[in-house]
PDB file of N, CA and C in Angstrom:
ATOM      1  N   MET A   1     -43.689 -29.874 -13.840  1.00  0.00           N
ATOM      2  CA  MET A   1     -44.975 -30.307 -14.377  1.00  0.00           C
ATOM      3  C   MET A   1     -46.073 -29.461 -13.732  1.00  0.00           C
ATOM      4  N   ASP A   2     -47.005 -29.052 -14.516  1.00  0.00           N
ATOM      5  CA  ASP A   2     -48.122 -28.260 -14.026  1.00  0.00           C
ATOM      6  C   ASP A   2     -48.996 -29.106 -13.104  1.00  0.00           C
ATOM      7  N   MET A   3     -49.415 -28.527 -11.989  1.00  0.00           N
ATOM      8  CA  MET A   3     -50.217 -29.246 -11.017  1.00  0.00           C
ATOM      9  C   MET A   3     -51.569 -29.668 -11.590  1.00  0.00           C
ATOM     10  N   ASN A   4     -52.158 -28.843 -12.451  1.00  0.00           N
ATOM     11  CA  ASN A   4     -53.432 -29.212 -13.068  1.00  0.00           C
ATOM     12  C   ASN A   4     -53.281 -30.414 -13.982  1.00  0.00           C
ATOM     13  N   LEU A   5     -52.150 -30.512 -14.667  1.00  0.00           N
ATOM     14  CA  LEU A   5     -51.907 -31.669 -15.514  1.00  0.00           C
ATOM     15  C   LEU A   5     -51.768 -32.926 -14.663  1.00  0.00           C
ATOM     16  N   LEU A   6     -51.057 -32.821 -13.558  1.00  0.00           N
ATOM     17  CA  LEU A   6     -50.896 -33.962 -12.661  1.00  0.00           C
ATOM     18  C   LEU A   6     -52.245 -34.402 -12.083  1.00  0.00           C
ATOM     19  N   LYS A   7     -53.063 -33.434 -11.670  1.00  0.00           N
ATOM     20  CA  LYS A   7     -54.397 -33.761 -11.161  1.00  0.00           C
ATOM     21  C   LYS A   7     -55.242 -34.433 -12.237  1.00  0.00           C
ATOM     22  N   ALA A   8     -55.174 -33.929 -13.454  1.00  0.00           N
ATOM     23  CA  ALA A   8     -55.950 -34.517 -14.550  1.00  0.00           C
ATOM     24  C   ALA A   8     -55.522 -35.960 -14.808  1.00  0.00           C
ATOM     25  N   ILE A   9     -54.230 -36.224 -14.747  1.00  0.00           N
ATOM     26  CA  ILE A   9     -53.733 -37.588 -14.961  1.00  0.00           C
ATOM     27  C   ILE A   9     -54.219 -38.517 -13.855  1.00  0.00           C
ATOM     28  N   VAL A  10     -54.084 -38.084 -12.595  1.00  0.00           N
ATOM     29  CA  VAL A  10     -54.470 -38.930 -11.461  1.00  0.00           C
ATOM     30  C   VAL A  10     -55.978 -39.191 -11.451  1.00  0.00           C
ATOM     31  N   PHE A  11     -56.774 -38.140 -11.623  1.00  0.00           N
ATOM     32  CA  PHE A  11     -58.221 -38.343 -11.604  1.00  0.00           C
ATOM     33  C   PHE A  11     -58.696 -39.105 -12.833  1.00  0.00           C
ATOM     34  N   GLY A  12     -58.023 -38.933 -13.964  1.00  0.00           N
ATOM     35  CA  GLY A  12     -58.343 -39.717 -15.152  1.00  0.00           C
ATOM     36  C   GLY A  12     -58.060 -41.195 -14.938  1.00  0.00           C
ATOM     37  N   MET A  13     -56.935 -41.487 -14.277  1.00  0.00           N
ATOM     38  CA  MET A  13     -56.607 -42.889 -13.972  1.00  0.00           C
ATOM     39  C   MET A  13     -57.628 -43.494 -13.006  1.00  0.00           C
ATOM     40  N   SER A  14     -58.090 -42.708 -12.035  1.00  0.00           N
ATOM     41  CA  SER A  14     -59.104 -43.194 -11.099  1.00  0.00           C
ATOM     42  C   SER A  14     -60.407 -43.509 -11.830  1.00  0.00           C
ATOM     43  N   THR A  15     -60.788 -42.650 -12.765  1.00  0.00           N
ATOM     44  CA  THR A  15     -62.007 -42.880 -13.538  1.00  0.00           C
ATOM     45  C   THR A  15     -61.871 -44.134 -14.403  1.00  0.00           C
ATOM     46  N   ILE A  16     -60.734 -44.306 -15.027  1.00  0.00           N
ATOM     47  CA  ILE A  16     -60.500 -45.499 -15.851  1.00  0.00           C
ATOM     48  C   ILE A  16     -60.518 -46.757 -14.990  1.00  0.00           C
ATOM     49  N   TYR A  17     -59.864 -46.698 -13.811  1.00  0.00           N
ATOM     50  CA  TYR A  17     -59.851 -47.843 -12.896  1.00  0.00           C
ATOM     51  C   TYR A  17     -61.277 -48.227 -12.490  1.00  0.00           C
ATOM     52  N   GLY A  18     -62.092 -47.231 -12.148  1.00  0.00           N
ATOM     53  CA  GLY A  18     -63.482 -47.512 -11.797  1.00  0.00           C
ATOM     54  C   GLY A  18     -64.249 -48.122 -12.953  1.00  0.00           C
ATOM     55  N   GLY A  19     -64.015 -47.616 -14.160  1.00  0.00           N
ATOM     56  CA  GLY A  19     -64.674 -48.171 -15.334  1.00  0.00           C
ATOM     57  C   GLY A  19     -64.271 -49.608 -15.606  1.00  0.00           C
ATOM     58  N   VAL A  20     -62.988 -49.910 -15.436  1.00  0.00           N
ATOM     59  CA  VAL A  20     -62.508 -51.286 -15.631  1.00  0.00           C
ATOM     60  C   VAL A  20     -63.115 -52.210 -14.584  1.00  0.00           C
ATOM     61  N   LEU A  21     -63.202 -51.733 -13.342  1.00  0.00           N
ATOM     62  CA  LEU A  21     -63.826 -52.561 -12.303  1.00  0.00           C
ATOM     63  C   LEU A  21     -65.303 -52.818 -12.599  1.00  0.00           C
ATOM     64  N   ILE A  22     -66.011 -51.800 -13.031  1.00  0.00           N
ATOM     65  CA  ILE A  22     -67.433 -51.977 -13.361  1.00  0.00           C
ATOM     66  C   ILE A  22     -67.588 -52.973 -14.501  1.00  0.00           C
ATOM     67  N   TYR A  23     -66.761 -52.831 -15.539  1.00  0.00           N
ATOM     68  CA  TYR A  23     -66.806 -53.772 -16.662  1.00  0.00           C
ATOM     69  C   TYR A  23     -66.457 -55.189 -16.196  1.00  0.00           C
ATOM     70  N   GLY A  24     -65.458 -55.293 -15.340  1.00  0.00           N
ATOM     71  CA  GLY A  24     -65.058 -56.596 -14.810  1.00  0.00           C
ATOM     72  C   GLY A  24     -66.138 -57.251 -13.969  1.00  0.00           C
ATOM     73  N   LEU A  25     -66.872 -56.449 -13.227  1.00  0.00           N
ATOM     74  CA  LEU A  25     -67.978 -56.993 -12.452  1.00  0.00           C
ATOM     75  C   LEU A  25     -69.098 -57.489 -13.359  1.00  0.00           C
ATOM     76  N   LYS A  26     -69.366 -56.748 -14.431  1.00  0.00           N
ATOM     77  CA  LYS A  26     -70.402 -57.187 -15.383  1.00  0.00           C
ATOM     78  C   LYS A  26     -69.998 -58.483 -16.088  1.00  0.00           C
ATOM     79  N   GLN A  27     -68.687 -58.623 -16.372  1.00  0.00           N
ATOM     80  CA  GLN A  27     -68.191 -59.811 -17.068  1.00  0.00           C
ATOM     81  C   GLN A  27     -67.842 -60.964 -16.118  1.00  0.00           C
ATOM     82  N   LYS A  28     -67.962 -60.710 -14.799  1.00  0.00           N
ATOM     83  CA  LYS A  28     -67.643 -61.701 -13.763  1.00  0.00           C
ATOM     84  C   LYS A  28     -66.172 -62.138 -13.816  1.00  0.00           C
ATOM     85  N   TRP A  29     -65.267 -61.152 -13.964  1.00  0.00           N
ATOM     86  CA  TRP A  29     -63.848 -61.469 -13.913  1.00  0.00           C
ATOM     87  C   TRP A  29     -63.506 -61.986 -12.524  1.00  0.00           C
ATOM     88  N   ARG A  30     -62.712 -63.027 -12.478  1.00  0.00           N
ATOM     89  CA  ARG A  30     -62.429 -63.701 -11.212  1.00  0.00           C
ATOM     90  C   ARG A  30     -61.664 -62.819 -10.231  1.00  0.00           C
ATOM     91  N   TRP A  31     -60.697 -62.045 -10.709  1.00  0.00           N
ATOM     92  CA  TRP A  31     -59.903 -61.221  -9.788  1.00  0.00           C
ATOM     93  C   TRP A  31     -60.726 -60.088  -9.191  1.00  0.00           C
ATOM     94  N   VAL A  32     -61.886 -59.784  -9.796  1.00  0.00           N
ATOM     95  CA  VAL A  32     -62.769 -58.751  -9.247  1.00  0.00           C
ATOM     96  C   VAL A  32     -63.808 -59.373  -8.326  1.00  0.00           C
ATOM     97  N   THR A  33     -64.440 -60.452  -8.756  1.00  0.00           N
ATOM     98  CA  THR A  33     -65.528 -61.042  -7.975  1.00  0.00           C
ATOM     99  C   THR A  33     -65.039 -62.015  -6.911  1.00  0.00           C
ATOM    100  N   ASP A  34     -63.861 -62.595  -7.090  1.00  0.00           N
ATOM    101  CA  ASP A  34     -63.292 -63.526  -6.104  1.00  0.00           C
ATOM    102  C   ASP A  34     -61.786 -63.270  -6.004  1.00  0.00           C
ATOM    103  N   PRO A  35     -61.391 -62.146  -5.383  1.00  0.00           N
ATOM    104  CA  PRO A  35     -59.975 -61.791  -5.348  1.00  0.00           C
ATOM    105  C   PRO A  35     -59.184 -62.725  -4.437  1.00  0.00           C
ATOM    106  N   PRO A  36     -57.896 -62.927  -4.752  1.00  0.00           N
ATOM    107  CA  PRO A  36     -57.059 -63.746  -3.877  1.00  0.00           C
ATOM    108  C   PRO A  36     -56.894 -63.070  -2.508  1.00  0.00           C
ATOM    109  N   GLU A  37     -56.825 -63.865  -1.475  1.00  0.00           N
ATOM    110  CA  GLU A  37     -56.749 -63.317  -0.124  1.00  0.00           C
ATOM    111  C   GLU A  37     -55.443 -62.588   0.156  1.00  0.00           C
ATOM    112  N   TRP A  38     -54.376 -62.893  -0.571  1.00  0.00           N
ATOM    113  CA  TRP A  38     -53.097 -62.213  -0.315  1.00  0.00           C
ATOM    114  C   TRP A  38     -53.140 -60.742  -0.730  1.00  0.00           C
ATOM    115  N   MET A  39     -54.177 -60.326  -1.460  1.00  0.00           N
ATOM    116  CA  MET A  39     -54.289 -58.932  -1.884  1.00  0.00           C
ATOM    117  C   MET A  39     -54.993 -58.055  -0.848  1.00  0.00           C
ATOM    118  N   PHE A  40     -55.284 -58.609   0.336  1.00  0.00           N
ATOM    119  CA  PHE A  40     -56.096 -57.875   1.301  1.00  0.00           C
ATOM    120  C   PHE A  40     -55.466 -56.568   1.768  1.00  0.00           C
ATOM    121  N   ALA A  41     -54.163 -56.439   1.684  1.00  0.00           N
ATOM    122  CA  ALA A  41     -53.504 -55.236   2.194  1.00  0.00           C
ATOM    123  C   ALA A  41     -53.732 -54.018   1.296  1.00  0.00           C
ATOM    124  N   PHE A  42     -54.004 -54.219   0.010  1.00  0.00           N
ATOM    125  CA  PHE A  42     -54.113 -53.079  -0.894  1.00  0.00           C
ATOM    126  C   PHE A  42     -55.311 -53.125  -1.842  1.00  0.00           C
ATOM    127  N   TYR A  43     -56.176 -54.083  -1.703  1.00  0.00           N
ATOM    128  CA  TYR A  43     -57.357 -54.170  -2.562  1.00  0.00           C
ATOM    129  C   TYR A  43     -58.572 -54.383  -1.673  1.00  0.00           C
ATOM    130  N   PHE A  44     -59.451 -53.368  -1.608  1.00  0.00           N
ATOM    131  CA  PHE A  44     -60.551 -53.359  -0.659  1.00  0.00           C
ATOM    132  C   PHE A  44     -61.470 -54.580  -0.758  1.00  0.00           C
ATOM    133  N   PRO A  45     -61.891 -55.027  -1.943  1.00  0.00           N
ATOM    134  CA  PRO A  45     -62.745 -56.225  -1.992  1.00  0.00           C
ATOM    135  C   PRO A  45     -62.082 -57.475  -1.400  1.00  0.00           C
ATOM    136  N   ALA A  46     -60.760 -57.576  -1.505  1.00  0.00           N
ATOM    137  CA  ALA A  46     -60.075 -58.715  -0.886  1.00  0.00           C
ATOM    138  C   ALA A  46     -60.124 -58.612   0.638  1.00  0.00           C
ATOM    139  N   THR A  47     -60.020 -57.391   1.165  1.00  0.00           N
ATOM    140  CA  THR A  47     -60.149 -57.195   2.609  1.00  0.00           C
ATOM    141  C   THR A  47     -61.548 -57.584   3.074  1.00  0.00           C
ATOM    142  N   VAL A  48     -62.552 -57.228   2.301  1.00  0.00           N
ATOM    143  CA  VAL A  48     -63.931 -57.599   2.630  1.00  0.00           C
ATOM    144  C   VAL A  48     -64.082 -59.112   2.611  1.00  0.00           C
ATOM    145  N   LYS A  49     -63.457 -59.769   1.656  1.00  0.00           N
ATOM    146  CA  LYS A  49     -63.537 -61.229   1.569  1.00  0.00           C
ATOM    147  C   LYS A  49     -62.932 -61.873   2.812  1.00  0.00           C
ATOM    148  N   VAL A  50     -61.793 -61.346   3.270  1.00  0.00           N
ATOM    149  CA  VAL A  50     -61.138 -61.911   4.445  1.00  0.00           C
ATOM    150  C   VAL A  50     -61.980 -61.663   5.701  1.00  0.00           C
ATOM    151  N   ARG A  51     -62.542 -60.473   5.845  1.00  0.00           N
ATOM    152  CA  ARG A  51     -63.251 -60.120   7.072  1.00  0.00           C
ATOM    153  C   ARG A  51     -64.703 -60.597   7.110  1.00  0.00           C
ATOM    154  N   TYR A  52     -65.415 -60.502   5.974  1.00  0.00           N
ATOM    155  CA  TYR A  52     -66.859 -60.764   5.989  1.00  0.00           C
ATOM    156  C   TYR A  52     -67.287 -61.959   5.157  1.00  0.00           C
ATOM    157  N   GLY A  53     -66.377 -62.581   4.446  1.00  0.00           N
ATOM    158  CA  GLY A  53     -66.717 -63.747   3.653  1.00  0.00           C
ATOM    159  C   GLY A  53     -66.911 -63.413   2.182  1.00  0.00           C
ATOM    160  N   PRO A  54     -66.899 -64.423   1.331  1.00  0.00           N
ATOM    161  CA  PRO A  54     -66.941 -64.202  -0.121  1.00  0.00           C
ATOM    162  C   PRO A  54     -68.282 -63.675  -0.645  1.00  0.00           C
ATOM    163  N   LYS A  55     -69.363 -63.767   0.121  1.00  0.00           N
ATOM    164  CA  LYS A  55     -70.654 -63.284  -0.376  1.00  0.00           C
ATOM    165  C   LYS A  55     -70.741 -61.763  -0.400  1.00  0.00           C
ATOM    166  N   SER A  56     -69.912 -61.088   0.371  1.00  0.00           N
ATOM    167  CA  SER A  56     -69.946 -59.627   0.445  1.00  0.00           C
ATOM    168  C   SER A  56     -69.035 -58.944  -0.570  1.00  0.00           C
ATOM    169  N   VAL A  57     -68.233 -59.712  -1.262  1.00  0.00           N
ATOM    170  CA  VAL A  57     -67.207 -59.149  -2.140  1.00  0.00           C
ATOM    171  C   VAL A  57     -67.808 -58.355  -3.291  1.00  0.00           C
ATOM    172  N   GLU A  58     -68.818 -58.879  -3.924  1.00  0.00           N
ATOM    173  CA  GLU A  58     -69.373 -58.214  -5.104  1.00  0.00           C
ATOM    174  C   GLU A  58     -69.972 -56.853  -4.753  1.00  0.00           C
ATOM    175  N   ALA A  59     -70.669 -56.760  -3.635  1.00  0.00           N
ATOM    176  CA  ALA A  59     -71.240 -55.478  -3.214  1.00  0.00           C
ATOM    177  C   ALA A  59     -70.134 -54.470  -2.909  1.00  0.00           C
ATOM    178  N   ALA A  60     -69.097 -54.906  -2.214  1.00  0.00           N
ATOM    179  CA  ALA A  60     -67.980 -54.010  -1.897  1.00  0.00           C
ATOM    180  C   ALA A  60     -67.239 -53.592  -3.163  1.00  0.00           C
ATOM    181  N   ALA A  61     -67.115 -54.500  -4.115  1.00  0.00           N
ATOM    182  CA  ALA A  61     -66.450 -54.162  -5.373  1.00  0.00           C
ATOM    183  C   ALA A  61     -67.268 -53.146  -6.164  1.00  0.00           C
ATOM    184  N   TYR A  62     -68.588 -53.280  -6.148  1.00  0.00           N
ATOM    185  CA  TYR A  62     -69.437 -52.292  -6.828  1.00  0.00           C
ATOM    186  C   TYR A  62     -69.306 -50.915  -6.180  1.00  0.00           C
ATOM    187  N   VAL A  63     -69.298 -50.867  -4.854  1.00  0.00           N
ATOM    188  CA  VAL A  63     -69.134 -49.591  -4.156  1.00  0.00           C
ATOM    189  C   VAL A  63     -67.790 -48.968  -4.510  1.00  0.00           C
ATOM    190  N   THR A  64     -66.732 -49.759  -4.462  1.00  0.00           N
ATOM    191  CA  THR A  64     -65.398 -49.264  -4.803  1.00  0.00           C
ATOM    192  C   THR A  64     -65.343 -48.779  -6.245  1.00  0.00           C
ATOM    193  N   ALA A  65     -65.891 -49.553  -7.156  1.00  0.00           N
ATOM    194  CA  ALA A  65     -65.840 -49.203  -8.577  1.00  0.00           C
ATOM    195  C   ALA A  65     -66.598 -47.915  -8.857  1.00  0.00           C
ATOM    196  N   TRP A  66     -67.823 -47.814  -8.354  1.00  0.00           N
ATOM    197  CA  TRP A  66     -68.616 -46.618  -8.635  1.00  0.00           C
ATOM    198  C   TRP A  66     -68.055 -45.380  -7.960  1.00  0.00           C
ATOM    199  N   LEU A  67     -67.501 -45.528  -6.743  1.00  0.00           N
ATOM    200  CA  LEU A  67     -66.871 -44.375  -6.092  1.00  0.00           C
ATOM    201  C   LEU A  67     -65.667 -43.877  -6.891  1.00  0.00           C
ATOM    202  N   HIS A  68     -64.824 -44.803  -7.345  1.00  0.00           N
ATOM    203  CA  HIS A  68     -63.681 -44.405  -8.169  1.00  0.00           C
ATOM    204  C   HIS A  68     -64.139 -43.723  -9.444  1.00  0.00           C
ATOM    205  N   PHE A  69     -65.126 -44.300 -10.087  1.00  0.00           N
ATOM    206  CA  PHE A  69     -65.580 -43.768 -11.370  1.00  0.00           C
ATOM    207  C   PHE A  69     -66.211 -42.383 -11.218  1.00  0.00           C
ATOM    208  N   VAL A  70     -67.169 -42.266 -10.313  1.00  0.00           N
ATOM    209  CA  VAL A  70     -67.907 -41.004 -10.168  1.00  0.00           C
ATOM    210  C   VAL A  70     -67.027 -39.908  -9.571  1.00  0.00           C
ATOM    211  N   LEU A  71     -66.342 -40.201  -8.484  1.00  0.00           N
ATOM    212  CA  LEU A  71     -65.502 -39.172  -7.865  1.00  0.00           C
ATOM    213  C   LEU A  71     -64.332 -38.781  -8.758  1.00  0.00           C
ATOM    214  N   GLY A  72     -63.774 -39.745  -9.469  1.00  0.00           N
ATOM    215  CA  GLY A  72     -62.707 -39.415 -10.414  1.00  0.00           C
ATOM    216  C   GLY A  72     -63.194 -38.512 -11.528  1.00  0.00           C
ATOM    217  N   ALA A  73     -64.385 -38.802 -12.044  1.00  0.00           N
ATOM    218  CA  ALA A  73     -64.936 -37.972 -13.126  1.00  0.00           C
ATOM    219  C   ALA A  73     -65.284 -36.573 -12.630  1.00  0.00           C
ATOM    220  N   VAL A  74     -65.870 -36.476 -11.439  1.00  0.00           N
ATOM    221  CA  VAL A  74     -66.233 -35.169 -10.894  1.00  0.00           C
ATOM    222  C   VAL A  74     -64.983 -34.336 -10.592  1.00  0.00           C
ATOM    223  N   CYS A  75     -63.984 -34.969 -10.017  1.00  0.00           N
ATOM    224  CA  CYS A  75     -62.751 -34.249  -9.684  1.00  0.00           C
ATOM    225  C   CYS A  75     -61.887 -33.972 -10.911  1.00  0.00           C
ATOM    226  N   LEU A  76     -62.163 -34.643 -12.007  1.00  0.00           N
ATOM    227  CA  LEU A  76     -61.407 -34.434 -13.241  1.00  0.00           C
ATOM    228  C   LEU A  76     -61.819 -33.150 -13.959  1.00  0.00           C
ATOM    229  N   ILE A  77     -63.033 -32.716 -13.766  1.00  0.00           N
ATOM    230  CA  ILE A  77     -63.551 -31.564 -14.509  1.00  0.00           C
ATOM    231  C   ILE A  77     -62.783 -30.264 -14.234  1.00  0.00           C
ATOM    232  N   PRO A  78     -62.566 -29.844 -12.967  1.00  0.00           N
ATOM    233  CA  PRO A  78     -61.867 -28.561 -12.750  1.00  0.00           C
ATOM    234  C   PRO A  78     -60.442 -28.503 -13.311  1.00  0.00           C
ATOM    235  N   PRO A  79     -59.597 -29.534 -13.122  1.00  0.00           N
ATOM    236  CA  PRO A  79     -58.262 -29.440 -13.729  1.00  0.00           C
ATOM    237  C   PRO A  79     -58.294 -29.390 -15.253  1.00  0.00           C
ATOM    238  N   LEU A  80     -59.241 -30.120 -15.865  1.00  0.00           N
ATOM    239  CA  LEU A  80     -59.340 -30.076 -17.325  1.00  0.00           C
ATOM    240  C   LEU A  80     -59.772 -28.703 -17.811  1.00  0.00           C
ATOM    241  N   VAL A  81     -60.716 -28.093 -17.109  1.00  0.00           N
ATOM    242  CA  VAL A  81     -61.163 -26.747 -17.486  1.00  0.00           C
ATOM    243  C   VAL A  81     -60.004 -25.760 -17.334  1.00  0.00           C
ATOM    244  N   ASP A  82     -59.248 -25.855 -16.232  1.00  0.00           N
ATOM    245  CA  ASP A  82     -58.096 -24.976 -16.028  1.00  0.00           C
ATOM    246  C   ASP A  82     -57.028 -25.175 -17.114  1.00  0.00           C
ATOM    247  N   LEU A  83     -56.788 -26.431 -17.472  1.00  0.00           N
ATOM    248  CA  LEU A  83     -55.812 -26.698 -18.533  1.00  0.00           C
ATOM    249  C   LEU A  83     -56.252 -26.130 -19.867  1.00  0.00           C
ATOM    250  N   ILE A  84     -57.503 -26.312 -20.194  1.00  0.00           N
ATOM    251  CA  ILE A  84     -58.011 -25.783 -21.479  1.00  0.00           C
ATOM    252  C   ILE A  84     -57.953 -24.271 -21.490  1.00  0.00           C
ATOM    253  N   LEU A  85     -58.336 -23.636 -20.396  1.00  0.00           N
ATOM    254  CA  LEU A  85     -58.306 -22.175 -20.332  1.00  0.00           C
ATOM    255  C   LEU A  85     -56.883 -21.630 -20.338  1.00  0.00           C
ATOM    256  N   SER A  86     -55.927 -22.378 -19.797  1.00  0.00           N
ATOM    257  CA  SER A  86     -54.543 -21.895 -19.823  1.00  0.00           C
ATOM    258  C   SER A  86     -53.920 -22.010 -21.205  1.00  0.00           C
ATOM    259  N   TRP A  87     -54.447 -22.917 -22.047  1.00  0.00           N
ATOM    260  CA  TRP A  87     -53.922 -23.048 -23.415  1.00  0.00           C
ATOM    261  C   TRP A  87     -54.510 -22.024 -24.352  1.00  0.00           C
ATOM    262  N   LEU A  88     -55.617 -21.406 -23.980  1.00  0.00           N
ATOM    263  CA  LEU A  88     -56.252 -20.410 -24.860  1.00  0.00           C
ATOM    264  C   LEU A  88     -55.554 -19.069 -24.785  1.00  0.00           C
TER     265      LEU A  88
END
């Protein structure tokens, strides 16, 4: 598998994940705004809930969502450009 294709898939998934989190925060989805505490090992807002209390979760979820969305989109551009140029 071409490395640029793999990068495009991973960064595309990160951008989609960030977008879903942002949408979930706007819709007040429970697993985003009030995550279960057992998810603390692999979901950052749940770790924030355990350490700092439930009032900090929404801010941490927004930071996580926007970082995934923006950084995924920015990092997605070079592999996509390389893929398009290699097909020409």
